[in-house]
Amino acid sequence: MFYNYLLSMMRTLAPILAGWLIAQVVQLGGHLDSILVVSLLTSVFAGAYYLVLRWAELHISGRFGWLLGFAAPPVYQEQWPTPLG
């Protein structure tokens, strides 16, 4: 279970890092002073990065998972039974 937790953390942090790197590259091409604009760009690129790679992982090849930090998505197991009603 701890392994799946670490795996989910890695697959969460990899798109954030990629979004930040892409925003930095975009910033090099032009002059962006506003922290808000850079933060927004980072969020947009991180979200797009995750969505595109997750789609590619499911529909093209599982190898795209490596670009999300690990090749396979985490598998969660139910620990406690779901309460009725």
C-alpha atoms as a PDB file:
ATOM      1  CA  MET A   1       0.000   0.000   0.000  1.00  0.00           C
ATOM      2  CA  PHE A   2       2.850   2.420   0.783  1.00  0.00           C
ATOM      3  CA  TYR A   3       4.292   1.672  -2.651  1.00  0.00           C
ATOM      4  CA  ASN A   4       1.034   2.739  -4.322  1.00  0.00           C
ATOM      5  CA  TYR A   5       1.016   5.906  -2.226  1.00  0.00           C
ATOM      6  CA  LEU A   6       4.535   6.800  -3.387  1.00  0.00           C
ATOM      7  CA  LEU A   7       3.567   5.931  -6.947  1.00  0.00           C
ATOM      8  CA  SER A   8       0.548   8.239  -6.834  1.00  0.00           C
ATOM      9  CA  MET A   9       2.676  11.042  -5.393  1.00  0.00           C
ATOM     10  CA  MET A  10       5.261  10.640  -8.155  1.00  0.00           C
ATOM     11  CA  ARG A  11       2.560  10.685 -10.838  1.00  0.00           C
ATOM     12  CA  THR A  12       1.131  13.853  -9.287  1.00  0.00           C
ATOM     13  CA  LEU A  13       4.427  15.710  -8.962  1.00  0.00           C
ATOM     14  CA  ALA A  14       5.801  14.851 -12.420  1.00  0.00           C
ATOM     15  CA  PRO A  15       3.152  16.910 -14.320  1.00  0.00           C
ATOM     16  CA  ILE A  16       3.614  19.832 -11.925  1.00  0.00           C
ATOM     17  CA  LEU A  17       7.355  19.808 -12.549  1.00  0.00           C
ATOM     18  CA  ALA A  18       6.798  19.477 -16.306  1.00  0.00           C
ATOM     19  CA  GLY A  19       4.324  22.383 -16.262  1.00  0.00           C
ATOM     20  CA  TRP A  20       6.817  24.537 -14.391  1.00  0.00           C
ATOM     21  CA  LEU A  21       9.583  23.672 -16.860  1.00  0.00           C
ATOM     22  CA  ILE A  22       7.348  24.430 -19.855  1.00  0.00           C
ATOM     23  CA  ALA A  23       6.315  27.761 -18.297  1.00  0.00           C
ATOM     24  CA  GLN A  24       9.999  28.627 -17.808  1.00  0.00           C
ATOM     25  CA  VAL A  25      10.726  27.875 -21.458  1.00  0.00           C
ATOM     26  CA  VAL A  26       7.766  30.035 -22.532  1.00  0.00           C
ATOM     27  CA  GLN A  27       9.017  32.810 -20.261  1.00  0.00           C
ATOM     28  CA  LEU A  28      12.433  32.709 -21.959  1.00  0.00           C
ATOM     29  CA  GLY A  29      10.770  33.472 -25.288  1.00  0.00           C
ATOM     30  CA  GLY A  30       9.072  36.589 -23.964  1.00  0.00           C
ATOM     31  CA  HIS A  31       9.088  38.830 -20.933  1.00  0.00           C
ATOM     32  CA  LEU A  32       6.520  37.781 -18.307  1.00  0.00           C
ATOM     33  CA  ASP A  33       6.809  39.839 -15.134  1.00  0.00           C
ATOM     34  CA  SER A  34       3.554  38.967 -13.483  1.00  0.00           C
ATOM     35  CA  ILE A  35       3.768  36.163 -10.956  1.00  0.00           C
ATOM     36  CA  LEU A  36       0.076  35.511 -11.534  1.00  0.00           C
ATOM     37  CA  VAL A  37       0.606  34.960 -15.261  1.00  0.00           C
ATOM     38  CA  VAL A  38       3.513  32.570 -14.665  1.00  0.00           C
ATOM     39  CA  SER A  39       1.510  30.675 -12.018  1.00  0.00           C
ATOM     40  CA  LEU A  40      -1.459  30.418 -14.350  1.00  0.00           C
ATOM     41  CA  LEU A  41       0.725  29.204 -17.213  1.00  0.00           C
ATOM     42  CA  THR A  42       2.329  26.623 -14.933  1.00  0.00           C
ATOM     43  CA  SER A  43      -1.061  25.304 -13.848  1.00  0.00           C
ATOM     44  CA  VAL A  44      -2.423  25.187 -17.391  1.00  0.00           C
ATOM     45  CA  PHE A  45       0.651  23.435 -18.780  1.00  0.00           C
ATOM     46  CA  ALA A  46       0.769  20.962 -15.871  1.00  0.00           C
ATOM     47  CA  GLY A  47      -2.900  20.079 -16.337  1.00  0.00           C
ATOM     48  CA  ALA A  48      -2.569  19.758 -20.098  1.00  0.00           C
ATOM     49  CA  TYR A  49       0.609  17.686 -19.718  1.00  0.00           C
ATOM     50  CA  TYR A  50      -1.178  15.259 -17.397  1.00  0.00           C
ATOM     51  CA  LEU A  51      -4.331  15.001 -19.507  1.00  0.00           C
ATOM     52  CA  VAL A  52      -2.471  14.420 -22.774  1.00  0.00           C
ATOM     53  CA  LEU A  53      -0.089  11.840 -21.324  1.00  0.00           C
ATOM     54  CA  ARG A  54      -2.789  10.032 -19.369  1.00  0.00           C
ATOM     55  CA  TRP A  55      -4.869   9.797 -22.566  1.00  0.00           C
ATOM     56  CA  ALA A  56      -1.831   8.590 -24.518  1.00  0.00           C
ATOM     57  CA  GLU A  57      -1.070   6.031 -21.803  1.00  0.00           C
ATOM     58  CA  LEU A  58      -4.581   4.601 -22.031  1.00  0.00           C
ATOM     59  CA  HIS A  59      -5.123   4.784 -25.800  1.00  0.00           C
ATOM     60  CA  ILE A  60      -1.714   4.602 -27.482  1.00  0.00           C
ATOM     61  CA  SER A  61       0.846   2.873 -25.271  1.00  0.00           C
ATOM     62  CA  GLY A  62       1.436   2.273 -21.591  1.00  0.00           C
ATOM     63  CA  ARG A  63       4.975   3.540 -22.128  1.00  0.00           C
ATOM     64  CA  PHE A  64       3.706   7.114 -21.912  1.00  0.00           C
ATOM     65  CA  GLY A  65       3.259   6.488 -18.191  1.00  0.00           C
ATOM     66  CA  TRP A  66       7.001   6.958 -17.726  1.00  0.00           C
ATOM     67  CA  LEU A  67       6.541  10.626 -18.540  1.00  0.00           C
ATOM     68  CA  LEU A  68       4.171  10.815 -15.578  1.00  0.00           C
ATOM     69  CA  GLY A  69       6.874   9.554 -13.252  1.00  0.00           C
ATOM     70  CA  PHE A  70       6.221   5.811 -13.402  1.00  0.00           C
ATOM     71  CA  ALA A  71       5.082   3.395 -16.085  1.00  0.00           C
ATOM     72  CA  ALA A  72       1.937   2.112 -14.378  1.00  0.00           C
ATOM     73  CA  PRO A  73      -0.864   3.904 -12.560  1.00  0.00           C
ATOM     74  CA  PRO A  74      -1.278   3.005  -8.869  1.00  0.00           C
ATOM     75  CA  VAL A  75      -3.720   0.263  -7.954  1.00  0.00           C
ATOM     76  CA  TYR A  76      -5.802   1.077  -4.902  1.00  0.00           C
ATOM     77  CA  GLN A  77      -7.259  -1.674  -2.789  1.00  0.00           C
ATOM     78  CA  GLU A  78     -10.240  -1.192  -0.579  1.00  0.00           C
ATOM     79  CA  GLN A  79      -9.175  -1.552   3.053  1.00  0.00           C
ATOM     80  CA  TRP A  80     -12.498  -1.367   4.816  1.00  0.00           C
ATOM     81  CA  PRO A  81     -15.903  -2.516   3.678  1.00  0.00           C
ATOM     82  CA  THR A  82     -18.237   0.222   2.481  1.00  0.00           C
ATOM     83  CA  PRO A  83     -20.923   0.980   5.073  1.00  0.00           C
ATOM     84  CA  LEU A  84     -24.464   0.117   4.045  1.00  0.00           C
ATOM     85  CA  GLY A  85     -27.097   2.840   3.934  1.00  0.00           C
END
